[in-house]
Structures are given as structure tokens and as C-alpha cells.
Amino acid sequence: MSMNAGQTQAFKAASGNVDPGIMSLLCEGILFAVLFLWAAWAFVDVWQGWANQKVRPALMVRFVIKAIVLLLFSLWMFGS
């Protein structure tokens, strides 16, 4: 549901004349950047544990599946 003219004008006044579409893209970009950085950091951490034989292969597979599902779900929910 899009905003009417009064809501858009109030949003711009409260946000320093920023367009709602631009603010939405900025928030989505920050969300996806944080999610992908977290996934990369966690993957490196799990990979190092697996390489040192401190993490079982089944745990690594479960982590990879969960991270991929989280990223795909977030892209589907917020990127569309």
C-alpha cells in the first residue's frame, strides 16, 4: 500500500526531505550488506573449525543450508 500525498509530505518533513523510495533502498541495502557480511564471517569461522577438525562435517552442512535459506528468505521478503 503506497502513501497518500499527506503521508509522503509528512515523511519528507520528518526525514529531512528524503524520498521514501530512497530511504527504503538505503535500509534494504544496509540489511543485505549486514546479512552477507555475517554469512561470510560465519562461513570462514565454520570453515576454520572444520579444517582444524573441531567441527563435524554434518554441522558444516547444516550451517551452510541455514545460511543460504536465511539469505534467500531475506532477499525474497525484503528485496521484492
C-alpha atoms as a PDB file:
ATOM      1  CA  MET A   1       0.000   0.000   0.000  1.00  0.00           C
ATOM      2  CA  SER A   2       1.505   3.294  -1.027  1.00  0.00           C
ATOM      3  CA  MET A   3       1.355   6.502   0.955  1.00  0.00           C
ATOM      4  CA  ASN A   4      -1.024   9.301   0.079  1.00  0.00           C
ATOM      5  CA  ALA A   5       0.200  12.851  -0.570  1.00  0.00           C
ATOM      6  CA  GLY A   6      -0.169  13.952   3.062  1.00  0.00           C
ATOM      7  CA  GLN A   7       1.761  10.955   4.378  1.00  0.00           C
ATOM      8  CA  THR A   8       4.535  11.459   1.820  1.00  0.00           C
ATOM      9  CA  GLN A   9       4.793  15.141   2.715  1.00  0.00           C
ATOM     10  CA  ALA A  10       4.934  14.303   6.451  1.00  0.00           C
ATOM     11  CA  PHE A  11       7.615  11.655   5.844  1.00  0.00           C
ATOM     12  CA  LYS A  12       9.733  14.085   3.844  1.00  0.00           C
ATOM     13  CA  ALA A  13       9.368  16.761   6.516  1.00  0.00           C
ATOM     14  CA  ALA A  14      10.390  14.358   9.278  1.00  0.00           C
ATOM     15  CA  SER A  15      13.305  12.811   7.390  1.00  0.00           C
ATOM     16  CA  GLY A  16      14.957  15.959   6.079  1.00  0.00           C
ATOM     17  CA  ASN A  17      13.317  15.909   2.628  1.00  0.00           C
ATOM     18  CA  VAL A  18      14.399  12.344   1.803  1.00  0.00           C
ATOM     19  CA  ASP A  19      12.233  10.454  -0.670  1.00  0.00           C
ATOM     20  CA  PRO A  20      10.576   7.340   0.838  1.00  0.00           C
ATOM     21  CA  GLY A  21      11.819   5.181  -2.051  1.00  0.00           C
ATOM     22  CA  ILE A  22      15.417   6.230  -1.460  1.00  0.00           C
ATOM     23  CA  MET A  23      15.093   5.559   2.283  1.00  0.00           C
ATOM     24  CA  SER A  24      13.656   2.120   1.557  1.00  0.00           C
ATOM     25  CA  LEU A  25      16.556   1.262  -0.761  1.00  0.00           C
ATOM     26  CA  LEU A  26      19.057   2.504   1.812  1.00  0.00           C
ATOM     27  CA  CYS A  27      17.552   0.376   4.595  1.00  0.00           C
ATOM     28  CA  GLU A  28      17.364  -2.711   2.377  1.00  0.00           C
ATOM     29  CA  GLY A  29      20.955  -2.190   1.248  1.00  0.00           C
ATOM     30  CA  ILE A  30      22.183  -1.944   4.830  1.00  0.00           C
ATOM     31  CA  LEU A  31      20.203  -5.064   5.781  1.00  0.00           C
ATOM     32  CA  PHE A  32      21.621  -7.113   2.911  1.00  0.00           C
ATOM     33  CA  ALA A  33      25.161  -5.850   3.487  1.00  0.00           C
ATOM     34  CA  VAL A  34      24.993  -6.861   7.149  1.00  0.00           C
ATOM     35  CA  LEU A  35      23.476 -10.265   6.321  1.00  0.00           C
ATOM     36  CA  PHE A  36      26.080 -11.076   3.668  1.00  0.00           C
ATOM     37  CA  LEU A  37      28.940  -9.880   5.880  1.00  0.00           C
ATOM     38  CA  TRP A  38      27.617 -12.024   8.734  1.00  0.00           C
ATOM     39  CA  ALA A  39      27.282 -15.045   6.434  1.00  0.00           C
ATOM     40  CA  ALA A  40      30.833 -14.596   5.118  1.00  0.00           C
ATOM     41  CA  TRP A  41      32.272 -14.167   8.633  1.00  0.00           C
ATOM     42  CA  ALA A  42      30.369 -17.184   9.955  1.00  0.00           C
ATOM     43  CA  PHE A  43      31.349 -19.324   6.966  1.00  0.00           C
ATOM     44  CA  VAL A  44      35.039 -18.503   7.460  1.00  0.00           C
ATOM     45  CA  ASP A  45      34.723 -19.301  11.167  1.00  0.00           C
ATOM     46  CA  VAL A  46      32.991 -22.637  10.499  1.00  0.00           C
ATOM     47  CA  TRP A  47      35.461 -23.447   7.715  1.00  0.00           C
ATOM     48  CA  GLN A  48      38.421 -22.900  10.034  1.00  0.00           C
ATOM     49  CA  GLY A  49      36.815 -25.113  12.658  1.00  0.00           C
ATOM     50  CA  TRP A  50      36.179 -27.801  10.055  1.00  0.00           C
ATOM     51  CA  ALA A  51      39.749 -27.553   8.731  1.00  0.00           C
ATOM     52  CA  ASN A  52      41.079 -27.990  12.293  1.00  0.00           C
ATOM     53  CA  GLN A  53      38.733 -30.953  12.770  1.00  0.00           C
ATOM     54  CA  LYS A  54      36.841 -29.204  15.576  1.00  0.00           C
ATOM     55  CA  VAL A  55      33.557 -29.078  13.622  1.00  0.00           C
ATOM     56  CA  ARG A  56      31.884 -32.183  12.262  1.00  0.00           C
ATOM     57  CA  PRO A  57      31.058 -32.195   8.513  1.00  0.00           C
ATOM     58  CA  ALA A  58      27.347 -32.606   9.280  1.00  0.00           C
ATOM     59  CA  LEU A  59      27.387 -29.403  11.330  1.00  0.00           C
ATOM     60  CA  MET A  60      29.070 -27.535   8.495  1.00  0.00           C
ATOM     61  CA  VAL A  61      26.464 -28.746   6.008  1.00  0.00           C
ATOM     62  CA  ARG A  62      23.650 -27.672   8.350  1.00  0.00           C
ATOM     63  CA  PHE A  63      25.223 -24.230   8.764  1.00  0.00           C
ATOM     64  CA  VAL A  64      25.593 -23.743   5.003  1.00  0.00           C
ATOM     65  CA  ILE A  65      21.979 -24.771   4.392  1.00  0.00           C
ATOM     66  CA  LYS A  66      20.679 -22.485   7.154  1.00  0.00           C
ATOM     67  CA  ALA A  67      22.738 -19.519   5.935  1.00  0.00           C
ATOM     68  CA  ILE A  68      21.560 -19.985   2.345  1.00  0.00           C
ATOM     69  CA  VAL A  69      17.917 -20.300   3.442  1.00  0.00           C
ATOM     70  CA  LEU A  70      18.252 -17.153   5.590  1.00  0.00           C
ATOM     71  CA  LEU A  71      19.767 -15.155   2.735  1.00  0.00           C
ATOM     72  CA  LEU A  72      17.233 -16.373   0.167  1.00  0.00           C
ATOM     73  CA  PHE A  73      14.295 -15.764   2.513  1.00  0.00           C
ATOM     74  CA  SER A  74      15.540 -12.251   3.298  1.00  0.00           C
ATOM     75  CA  LEU A  75      16.023 -11.466  -0.380  1.00  0.00           C
ATOM     76  CA  TRP A  76      12.535 -12.748  -1.146  1.00  0.00           C
ATOM     77  CA  MET A  77      10.834 -10.900   1.721  1.00  0.00           C
ATOM     78  CA  PHE A  78      12.661  -7.573   1.587  1.00  0.00           C
ATOM     79  CA  GLY A  79      14.080  -7.421  -1.943  1.00  0.00           C
ATOM     80  CA  SER A  80      10.826  -7.732  -3.826  1.00  0.00           C
END
